[in-house]
Amino acid sequence: MSKIAALVTDLFEDVEFTEPAKAYQDAGHQVTVIEEKKGKTVSGKHGYKLSVDAGIDEVKPEDFDALFIPGGFSPDLLRADDRFVAFAKKFMDDKKPVFTICHGPQLLITAETLKDRDVTGYKSIQVDLKNAGANFHDKEVVVCQNQLVTSRTPDDIPAFIRESLKLL
């Protein structure tokens, strides 16, 4: 089964991590939570606590089959760190599956990997996505080039999970 890297820090949108991660694990895939430091506990916007499995300096994109970026404020915090940007960029450049929801595409905007890609995302980042050269679609889920799966909000999680699992 697939090894999935999950880039997460404080203020992630709880259900945008918990529901997809559970679905991936239930389907037999391994989800590794990556943040700055292994063993740290990060907190979701609504109080969900998550233990970090690996620090960003301990992992390489080559160790994983797919990338998962939940939304919330977490992606905005992560994109301020070049290590997370480079990690995400490598998945996009290598055409490995990338699953991101809500504000998650912010990390891909900073990685400059969305030009001419079909995407969706949270309403407040629509202009940012367009300015990054992406083709924005206001749909519950968008799959681009059989690689990139994006969704808008927690309401879209069932479609997001369905399409992510298809790529895995």
N, C-alpha and C. Protein backbone atom coordinates (compact mmCIF):
# COMPACT_ATOMS: atom_id res chain seq x y z
N MET A 1 0.83 -1.19 0.00
CA MET A 1 0.00 0.00 0.00
C MET A 1 0.87 1.25 0.00
N SER A 2 0.25 2.40 -0.19
CA SER A 2 0.96 3.66 -0.34
C SER A 2 1.37 4.28 1.00
N LYS A 3 2.52 4.96 0.94
CA LYS A 3 2.98 5.75 2.08
C LYS A 3 2.65 7.22 1.76
N ILE A 4 1.86 7.84 2.64
CA ILE A 4 1.39 9.20 2.41
C ILE A 4 2.03 10.15 3.42
N ALA A 5 2.67 11.20 2.92
CA ALA A 5 3.22 12.25 3.76
C ALA A 5 2.14 13.28 4.01
N ALA A 6 1.88 13.61 5.27
CA ALA A 6 0.89 14.63 5.61
C ALA A 6 1.63 15.81 6.23
N LEU A 7 1.58 16.96 5.55
CA LEU A 7 2.22 18.17 6.07
C LEU A 7 1.21 18.93 6.91
N VAL A 8 1.46 19.00 8.22
CA VAL A 8 0.50 19.58 9.16
C VAL A 8 1.22 20.33 10.26
N THR A 9 0.68 21.48 10.64
CA THR A 9 1.14 22.18 11.84
C THR A 9 -0.09 22.72 12.58
N ASP A 10 0.15 23.49 13.62
CA ASP A 10 -0.95 24.02 14.42
C ASP A 10 -1.99 24.74 13.56
N LEU A 11 -3.21 24.71 14.05
CA LEU A 11 -4.35 25.40 13.45
C LEU A 11 -4.84 24.79 12.15
N PHE A 12 -4.54 23.47 11.95
CA PHE A 12 -5.13 22.76 10.80
C PHE A 12 -6.62 22.62 11.05
N GLU A 13 -7.37 22.45 9.99
CA GLU A 13 -8.81 22.21 10.11
C GLU A 13 -9.00 20.74 10.48
N ASP A 14 -9.44 20.50 11.70
CA ASP A 14 -9.48 19.16 12.27
C ASP A 14 -10.02 18.08 11.34
N VAL A 15 -11.28 18.23 10.88
CA VAL A 15 -11.90 17.18 10.06
C VAL A 15 -11.26 17.02 8.70
N GLU A 16 -10.59 18.07 8.22
CA GLU A 16 -9.90 17.96 6.93
C GLU A 16 -8.64 17.11 7.04
N PHE A 17 -8.19 16.87 8.25
CA PHE A 17 -7.12 15.89 8.47
C PHE A 17 -7.71 14.55 8.89
N THR A 18 -8.54 14.56 9.94
CA THR A 18 -8.96 13.30 10.56
C THR A 18 -9.75 12.39 9.62
N GLU A 19 -10.71 12.95 8.89
CA GLU A 19 -11.55 12.09 8.04
C GLU A 19 -10.77 11.49 6.86
N PRO A 20 -10.02 12.29 6.08
CA PRO A 20 -9.23 11.66 5.01
C PRO A 20 -8.17 10.69 5.56
N ALA A 21 -7.46 11.08 6.62
CA ALA A 21 -6.42 10.20 7.17
C ALA A 21 -7.01 8.86 7.59
N LYS A 22 -8.17 8.88 8.25
CA LYS A 22 -8.83 7.63 8.66
C LYS A 22 -9.20 6.79 7.43
N ALA A 23 -9.72 7.45 6.39
CA ALA A 23 -10.10 6.71 5.18
C ALA A 23 -8.87 6.10 4.51
N TYR A 24 -7.77 6.84 4.46
CA TYR A 24 -6.54 6.31 3.86
C TYR A 24 -6.05 5.11 4.66
N GLN A 25 -6.04 5.24 5.99
CA GLN A 25 -5.57 4.15 6.84
C GLN A 25 -6.51 2.95 6.77
N ASP A 26 -7.81 3.19 6.74
CA ASP A 26 -8.78 2.10 6.63
C ASP A 26 -8.61 1.33 5.32
N ALA A 27 -8.11 2.01 4.29
CA ALA A 27 -7.87 1.37 3.00
C ALA A 27 -6.49 0.70 2.93
N GLY A 28 -5.75 0.76 4.05
CA GLY A 28 -4.47 0.07 4.13
C GLY A 28 -3.25 0.93 3.87
N HIS A 29 -3.44 2.22 3.70
CA HIS A 29 -2.32 3.12 3.44
C HIS A 29 -1.74 3.65 4.75
N GLN A 30 -0.49 4.04 4.71
CA GLN A 30 0.20 4.58 5.89
C GLN A 30 0.28 6.10 5.78
N VAL A 31 -0.14 6.80 6.83
CA VAL A 31 -0.09 8.26 6.86
C VAL A 31 0.97 8.69 7.88
N THR A 32 1.95 9.46 7.43
CA THR A 32 3.01 9.96 8.30
C THR A 32 2.84 11.47 8.46
N VAL A 33 2.62 11.91 9.70
CA VAL A 33 2.46 13.33 9.99
C VAL A 33 3.84 13.98 10.09
N ILE A 34 4.05 15.00 9.26
CA ILE A 34 5.35 15.68 9.20
C ILE A 34 5.18 17.14 9.58
N GLU A 35 6.02 17.57 10.49
CA GLU A 35 6.05 18.96 10.94
C GLU A 35 7.50 19.31 11.17
N GLU A 36 7.77 20.35 11.93
CA GLU A 36 9.16 20.75 12.14
C GLU A 36 9.95 19.75 12.99
N LYS A 37 9.31 19.20 14.03
CA LYS A 37 10.03 18.34 14.96
C LYS A 37 9.23 17.10 15.34
N LYS A 38 9.84 15.94 15.20
CA LYS A 38 9.23 14.67 15.58
C LYS A 38 8.86 14.67 17.06
N GLY A 39 7.70 14.09 17.38
CA GLY A 39 7.27 13.96 18.76
C GLY A 39 6.48 15.14 19.27
N LYS A 40 6.51 16.24 18.55
CA LYS A 40 5.75 17.42 18.94
C LYS A 40 4.26 17.12 18.80
N THR A 41 3.43 17.82 19.56
CA THR A 41 1.98 17.71 19.40
C THR A 41 1.48 19.00 18.78
N VAL A 42 0.71 18.86 17.70
CA VAL A 42 0.10 20.04 17.07
C VAL A 42 -1.41 19.99 17.33
N SER A 43 -2.01 21.16 17.33
CA SER A 43 -3.43 21.27 17.67
C SER A 43 -4.23 21.83 16.51
N GLY A 44 -5.36 21.20 16.24
CA GLY A 44 -6.26 21.70 15.22
C GLY A 44 -7.01 22.92 15.71
N LYS A 45 -7.69 23.57 14.79
CA LYS A 45 -8.48 24.78 15.11
C LYS A 45 -9.56 24.50 16.16
N HIS A 46 -10.02 23.26 16.20
CA HIS A 46 -11.12 22.91 17.10
C HIS A 46 -10.67 21.98 18.23
N GLY A 47 -9.34 21.92 18.45
CA GLY A 47 -8.81 21.22 19.61
C GLY A 47 -8.29 19.81 19.41
N TYR A 48 -8.40 19.26 18.19
CA TYR A 48 -7.88 17.91 17.96
C TYR A 48 -6.36 17.94 18.11
N LYS A 49 -5.82 17.00 18.86
CA LYS A 49 -4.37 16.91 19.09
C LYS A 49 -3.79 15.81 18.20
N LEU A 50 -2.65 16.13 17.61
CA LEU A 50 -2.02 15.23 16.66
C LEU A 50 -0.53 15.14 16.98
N SER A 51 -0.01 13.93 17.07
CA SER A 51 1.41 13.73 17.34
C SER A 51 2.18 13.68 16.02
N VAL A 52 3.29 14.39 15.98
CA VAL A 52 4.12 14.45 14.77
C VAL A 52 5.00 13.20 14.69
N ASP A 53 4.91 12.50 13.55
CA ASP A 53 5.67 11.27 13.35
C ASP A 53 7.11 11.51 12.92
N ALA A 54 7.34 12.61 12.18
CA ALA A 54 8.67 12.87 11.65
C ALA A 54 8.89 14.36 11.46
N GLY A 55 10.11 14.78 11.70
CA GLY A 55 10.50 16.17 11.43
C GLY A 55 10.83 16.32 9.96
N ILE A 56 10.63 17.51 9.42
CA ILE A 56 10.86 17.76 7.99
C ILE A 56 12.29 17.45 7.57
N ASP A 57 13.24 17.62 8.47
CA ASP A 57 14.65 17.35 8.12
C ASP A 57 14.98 15.87 8.14
N GLU A 58 14.07 15.03 8.61
CA GLU A 58 14.30 13.58 8.70
C GLU A 58 13.70 12.80 7.53
N VAL A 59 12.98 13.48 6.66
CA VAL A 59 12.28 12.78 5.58
C VAL A 59 12.65 13.37 4.22
N LYS A 60 12.42 12.55 3.20
CA LYS A 60 12.62 12.98 1.81
C LYS A 60 11.36 12.64 1.02
N PRO A 61 11.00 13.46 0.05
CA PRO A 61 9.83 13.13 -0.77
C PRO A 61 9.92 11.74 -1.40
N GLU A 62 11.13 11.30 -1.68
CA GLU A 62 11.34 9.99 -2.31
C GLU A 62 10.87 8.84 -1.42
N ASP A 63 10.73 9.12 -0.11
CA ASP A 63 10.29 8.09 0.84
C ASP A 63 8.78 7.83 0.79
N PHE A 64 8.06 8.66 0.02
CA PHE A 64 6.60 8.61 0.04
C PHE A 64 6.02 8.50 -1.37
N ASP A 65 4.79 7.95 -1.41
CA ASP A 65 4.09 7.76 -2.68
C ASP A 65 3.12 8.90 -2.99
N ALA A 66 2.68 9.62 -1.94
CA ALA A 66 1.68 10.69 -2.12
C ALA A 66 1.85 11.73 -1.02
N LEU A 67 1.27 12.91 -1.27
CA LEU A 67 1.32 14.02 -0.33
C LEU A 67 -0.10 14.46 0.01
N PHE A 68 -0.35 14.72 1.28
CA PHE A 68 -1.65 15.15 1.78
C PHE A 68 -1.46 16.45 2.56
N ILE A 69 -2.19 17.51 2.15
CA ILE A 69 -2.12 18.81 2.82
C ILE A 69 -3.53 19.23 3.23
N PRO A 70 -3.89 19.03 4.52
CA PRO A 70 -5.19 19.51 4.97
C PRO A 70 -5.19 21.03 5.08
N GLY A 71 -6.38 21.61 5.20
CA GLY A 71 -6.51 23.05 5.25
C GLY A 71 -6.45 23.63 6.65
N GLY A 72 -7.14 24.74 6.81
CA GLY A 72 -7.05 25.52 8.03
C GLY A 72 -5.97 26.57 7.86
N PHE A 73 -5.41 27.05 8.96
CA PHE A 73 -4.34 28.04 8.90
C PHE A 73 -2.97 27.38 8.73
N SER A 74 -2.91 26.08 8.94
CA SER A 74 -1.67 25.30 8.86
C SER A 74 -0.88 25.52 7.55
N PRO A 75 -1.51 25.43 6.37
CA PRO A 75 -0.73 25.60 5.13
C PRO A 75 -0.07 26.98 5.02
N ASP A 76 -0.75 28.01 5.53
CA ASP A 76 -0.18 29.35 5.48
C ASP A 76 1.06 29.43 6.38
N LEU A 77 1.01 28.78 7.53
CA LEU A 77 2.17 28.75 8.42
C LEU A 77 3.31 27.95 7.80
N LEU A 78 2.98 26.81 7.21
CA LEU A 78 4.01 25.94 6.62
C LEU A 78 4.71 26.60 5.43
N ARG A 79 3.99 27.38 4.65
CA ARG A 79 4.60 27.95 3.44
C ARG A 79 5.61 29.04 3.74
N ALA A 80 5.70 29.46 4.99
CA ALA A 80 6.73 30.42 5.39
C ALA A 80 8.09 29.74 5.58
N ASP A 81 8.11 28.40 5.54
CA ASP A 81 9.33 27.62 5.74
C ASP A 81 9.70 26.96 4.41
N ASP A 82 10.83 27.34 3.86
CA ASP A 82 11.27 26.85 2.56
C ASP A 82 11.39 25.33 2.49
N ARG A 83 11.63 24.68 3.60
CA ARG A 83 11.76 23.21 3.59
C ARG A 83 10.44 22.55 3.21
N PHE A 84 9.33 23.06 3.74
CA PHE A 84 8.02 22.49 3.43
C PHE A 84 7.62 22.82 1.99
N VAL A 85 7.97 24.01 1.54
CA VAL A 85 7.68 24.42 0.16
C VAL A 85 8.42 23.50 -0.81
N ALA A 86 9.71 23.27 -0.56
CA ALA A 86 10.51 22.41 -1.44
C ALA A 86 10.00 20.98 -1.42
N PHE A 87 9.57 20.50 -0.25
CA PHE A 87 9.03 19.14 -0.11
C PHE A 87 7.79 18.99 -0.98
N ALA A 88 6.87 19.94 -0.88
CA ALA A 88 5.63 19.89 -1.68
C ALA A 88 5.93 20.02 -3.17
N LYS A 89 6.85 20.91 -3.52
CA LYS A 89 7.21 21.14 -4.93
C LYS A 89 7.72 19.86 -5.58
N LYS A 90 8.50 19.09 -4.84
CA LYS A 90 9.08 17.85 -5.38
C LYS A 90 7.98 16.86 -5.78
N PHE A 91 6.92 16.75 -4.98
CA PHE A 91 5.81 15.86 -5.34
C PHE A 91 5.16 16.32 -6.64
N MET A 92 4.94 17.62 -6.74
CA MET A 92 4.30 18.16 -7.95
C MET A 92 5.21 17.96 -9.17
N ASP A 93 6.49 18.27 -9.01
CA ASP A 93 7.44 18.13 -10.13
C ASP A 93 7.58 16.67 -10.57
N ASP A 94 7.53 15.76 -9.61
CA ASP A 94 7.66 14.33 -9.91
C ASP A 94 6.35 13.66 -10.32
N LYS A 95 5.28 14.47 -10.36
CA LYS A 95 3.95 13.98 -10.76
C LYS A 95 3.42 12.88 -9.85
N LYS A 96 3.78 12.95 -8.57
CA LYS A 96 3.22 12.03 -7.58
C LYS A 96 1.87 12.58 -7.12
N PRO A 97 0.97 11.73 -6.64
CA PRO A 97 -0.33 12.21 -6.18
C PRO A 97 -0.21 13.22 -5.03
N VAL A 98 -0.99 14.30 -5.15
CA VAL A 98 -1.07 15.34 -4.13
C VAL A 98 -2.54 15.59 -3.84
N PHE A 99 -2.91 15.51 -2.55
CA PHE A 99 -4.29 15.69 -2.11
C PHE A 99 -4.34 16.90 -1.18
N THR A 100 -5.11 17.93 -1.55
CA THR A 100 -5.16 19.12 -0.71
C THR A 100 -6.54 19.74 -0.73
N ILE A 101 -6.93 20.22 0.43
CA ILE A 101 -8.30 20.71 0.61
C ILE A 101 -8.29 22.08 1.28
N CYS A 102 -9.29 22.89 0.94
CA CYS A 102 -9.54 24.18 1.59
C CYS A 102 -8.39 25.17 1.34
N HIS A 103 -7.61 25.50 2.38
CA HIS A 103 -6.48 26.42 2.24
C HIS A 103 -5.17 25.67 1.90
N GLY A 104 -5.24 24.36 1.80
CA GLY A 104 -4.05 23.56 1.50
C GLY A 104 -3.29 24.00 0.26
N PRO A 105 -3.99 24.41 -0.82
CA PRO A 105 -3.26 24.83 -2.02
C PRO A 105 -2.32 26.03 -1.81
N GLN A 106 -2.45 26.73 -0.69
CA GLN A 106 -1.54 27.85 -0.43
C GLN A 106 -0.09 27.38 -0.47
N LEU A 107 0.18 26.20 0.02
CA LEU A 107 1.55 25.67 0.00
C LEU A 107 2.01 25.45 -1.45
N LEU A 108 1.09 25.02 -2.31
CA LEU A 108 1.43 24.79 -3.73
C LEU A 108 1.55 26.11 -4.49
N ILE A 109 0.82 27.14 -4.05
CA ILE A 109 0.97 28.47 -4.65
C ILE A 109 2.39 28.96 -4.40
N THR A 110 2.84 28.86 -3.16
CA THR A 110 4.18 29.31 -2.80
C THR A 110 5.24 28.48 -3.51
N ALA A 111 4.96 27.21 -3.74
CA ALA A 111 5.89 26.33 -4.47
C ALA A 111 5.88 26.61 -5.98
N GLU A 112 4.99 27.49 -6.40
CA GLU A 112 4.85 27.87 -7.81
C GLU A 112 4.64 26.66 -8.72
N THR A 113 3.67 25.83 -8.33
CA THR A 113 3.43 24.59 -9.08
C THR A 113 2.01 24.50 -9.66
N LEU A 114 1.26 25.59 -9.64
CA LEU A 114 -0.14 25.50 -10.07
C LEU A 114 -0.43 26.12 -11.43
N LYS A 115 0.56 26.65 -12.10
CA LYS A 115 0.33 27.27 -13.41
C LYS A 115 -0.30 26.25 -14.37
N ASP A 116 -1.42 26.64 -14.96
CA ASP A 116 -2.16 25.83 -15.93
C ASP A 116 -2.78 24.55 -15.33
N ARG A 117 -2.84 24.46 -14.02
CA ARG A 117 -3.47 23.31 -13.36
C ARG A 117 -4.93 23.63 -13.07
N ASP A 118 -5.78 22.62 -13.16
CA ASP A 118 -7.19 22.74 -12.79
C ASP A 118 -7.29 22.46 -11.29
N VAL A 119 -7.85 23.43 -10.54
CA VAL A 119 -7.93 23.30 -9.08
C VAL A 119 -9.21 23.91 -8.54
N THR A 120 -9.45 23.61 -7.26
CA THR A 120 -10.43 24.33 -6.48
C THR A 120 -9.82 24.57 -5.12
N GLY A 121 -10.51 25.33 -4.29
CA GLY A 121 -10.01 25.65 -2.96
C GLY A 121 -11.01 26.53 -2.26
N TYR A 122 -10.69 26.91 -1.04
CA TYR A 122 -11.58 27.74 -0.24
C TYR A 122 -11.80 29.09 -0.92
N LYS A 123 -12.99 29.64 -0.73
CA LYS A 123 -13.38 30.89 -1.40
C LYS A 123 -12.34 32.01 -1.24
N SER A 124 -11.77 32.16 -0.06
CA SER A 124 -10.86 33.27 0.18
C SER A 124 -9.52 33.16 -0.55
N ILE A 125 -9.21 31.98 -1.11
CA ILE A 125 -7.95 31.86 -1.86
C ILE A 125 -8.17 31.73 -3.37
N GLN A 126 -9.42 31.90 -3.83
CA GLN A 126 -9.71 31.78 -5.26
C GLN A 126 -8.87 32.74 -6.10
N VAL A 127 -8.78 33.99 -5.69
CA VAL A 127 -8.00 34.98 -6.44
C VAL A 127 -6.52 34.61 -6.41
N ASP A 128 -6.05 34.12 -5.26
CA ASP A 128 -4.65 33.70 -5.15
C ASP A 128 -4.35 32.56 -6.13
N LEU A 129 -5.27 31.61 -6.21
CA LEU A 129 -5.10 30.49 -7.13
C LEU A 129 -5.05 30.97 -8.58
N LYS A 130 -5.96 31.87 -8.93
CA LYS A 130 -5.97 32.42 -10.29
C LYS A 130 -4.69 33.20 -10.56
N ASN A 131 -4.23 34.00 -9.59
CA ASN A 131 -3.00 34.77 -9.76
C ASN A 131 -1.77 33.87 -9.88
N ALA A 132 -1.86 32.65 -9.35
CA ALA A 132 -0.77 31.68 -9.47
C ALA A 132 -0.80 30.96 -10.82
N GLY A 133 -1.79 31.32 -11.65
CA GLY A 133 -1.88 30.73 -12.98
C GLY A 133 -2.75 29.50 -13.07
N ALA A 134 -3.43 29.16 -11.98
CA ALA A 134 -4.29 27.98 -11.99
C ALA A 134 -5.63 28.29 -12.66
N ASN A 135 -6.26 27.25 -13.14
CA ASN A 135 -7.61 27.34 -13.69
C ASN A 135 -8.57 26.95 -12.57
N PHE A 136 -9.23 27.94 -11.99
CA PHE A 136 -10.09 27.69 -10.82
C PHE A 136 -11.47 27.19 -11.25
N HIS A 137 -11.95 26.18 -10.52
CA HIS A 137 -13.29 25.62 -10.74
C HIS A 137 -14.00 25.56 -9.39
N ASP A 138 -15.19 26.11 -9.30
CA ASP A 138 -15.95 26.08 -8.05
C ASP A 138 -16.76 24.79 -8.00
N LYS A 139 -16.07 23.69 -7.70
CA LYS A 139 -16.68 22.36 -7.64
C LYS A 139 -16.21 21.66 -6.38
N GLU A 140 -16.97 20.64 -5.93
CA GLU A 140 -16.62 19.96 -4.69
C GLU A 140 -15.27 19.25 -4.75
N VAL A 141 -14.89 18.79 -5.92
CA VAL A 141 -13.58 18.15 -6.08
C VAL A 141 -13.13 18.35 -7.52
N VAL A 142 -11.84 18.59 -7.69
CA VAL A 142 -11.24 18.71 -9.01
C VAL A 142 -10.01 17.80 -9.04
N VAL A 143 -9.93 16.96 -10.07
CA VAL A 143 -8.78 16.09 -10.27
C VAL A 143 -8.07 16.59 -11.52
N CYS A 144 -6.80 16.92 -11.38
CA CYS A 144 -6.02 17.46 -12.49
C CYS A 144 -4.91 16.50 -12.88
N GLN A 145 -4.86 16.15 -14.15
CA GLN A 145 -3.80 15.35 -14.73
C GLN A 145 -3.55 14.05 -13.96
N ASN A 146 -4.62 13.48 -13.43
CA ASN A 146 -4.53 12.22 -12.69
C ASN A 146 -3.45 12.27 -11.61
N GLN A 147 -3.25 13.48 -11.03
CA GLN A 147 -2.22 13.66 -10.01
C GLN A 147 -2.70 14.49 -8.82
N LEU A 148 -3.34 15.61 -9.11
CA LEU A 148 -3.68 16.58 -8.09
C LEU A 148 -5.17 16.55 -7.79
N VAL A 149 -5.51 16.31 -6.51
CA VAL A 149 -6.91 16.31 -6.07
C VAL A 149 -7.10 17.48 -5.12
N THR A 150 -8.05 18.37 -5.45
CA THR A 150 -8.33 19.53 -4.59
C THR A 150 -9.83 19.60 -4.29
N SER A 151 -10.14 20.11 -3.09
CA SER A 151 -11.52 20.35 -2.69
C SER A 151 -11.59 21.66 -1.93
N ARG A 152 -12.85 22.15 -1.69
CA ARG A 152 -13.05 23.49 -1.15
C ARG A 152 -13.19 23.57 0.37
N THR A 153 -14.04 22.72 0.95
CA THR A 153 -14.41 22.88 2.36
C THR A 153 -14.66 21.51 2.99
N PRO A 154 -14.89 21.47 4.30
CA PRO A 154 -15.23 20.19 4.94
C PRO A 154 -16.45 19.51 4.32
N ASP A 155 -17.38 20.28 3.76
CA ASP A 155 -18.55 19.68 3.12
C ASP A 155 -18.17 18.78 1.94
N ASP A 156 -17.00 19.04 1.36
CA ASP A 156 -16.54 18.30 0.18
C ASP A 156 -15.71 17.07 0.52
N ILE A 157 -15.52 16.80 1.80
CA ILE A 157 -14.64 15.70 2.21
C ILE A 157 -15.01 14.35 1.59
N PRO A 158 -16.28 13.95 1.52
CA PRO A 158 -16.57 12.65 0.90
C PRO A 158 -16.06 12.54 -0.54
N ALA A 159 -16.25 13.57 -1.34
CA ALA A 159 -15.77 13.56 -2.73
C ALA A 159 -14.25 13.59 -2.77
N PHE A 160 -13.65 14.36 -1.87
CA PHE A 160 -12.18 14.45 -1.77
C PHE A 160 -11.58 13.09 -1.46
N ILE A 161 -12.15 12.40 -0.48
CA ILE A 161 -11.67 11.07 -0.12
C ILE A 161 -11.85 10.10 -1.28
N ARG A 162 -13.03 10.12 -1.89
CA ARG A 162 -13.32 9.20 -3.01
C ARG A 162 -12.26 9.34 -4.11
N GLU A 163 -11.99 10.57 -4.53
CA GLU A 163 -11.05 10.79 -5.64
C GLU A 163 -9.60 10.54 -5.22
N SER A 164 -9.26 10.84 -3.98
CA SER A 164 -7.91 10.55 -3.48
C SER A 164 -7.65 9.06 -3.49
N LEU A 165 -8.60 8.30 -2.98
CA LEU A 165 -8.44 6.85 -2.93
C LEU A 165 -8.35 6.24 -4.32
N LYS A 166 -9.04 6.81 -5.30
CA LYS A 166 -8.93 6.33 -6.69
C LYS A 166 -7.50 6.44 -7.18
N LEU A 167 -6.82 7.55 -6.84
CA LEU A 167 -5.44 7.74 -7.30
C LEU A 167 -4.45 6.85 -6.58
N LEU A 168 -4.78 6.49 -5.33
CA LEU A 168 -3.89 5.61 -4.58
C LEU A 168 -4.00 4.18 -5.08
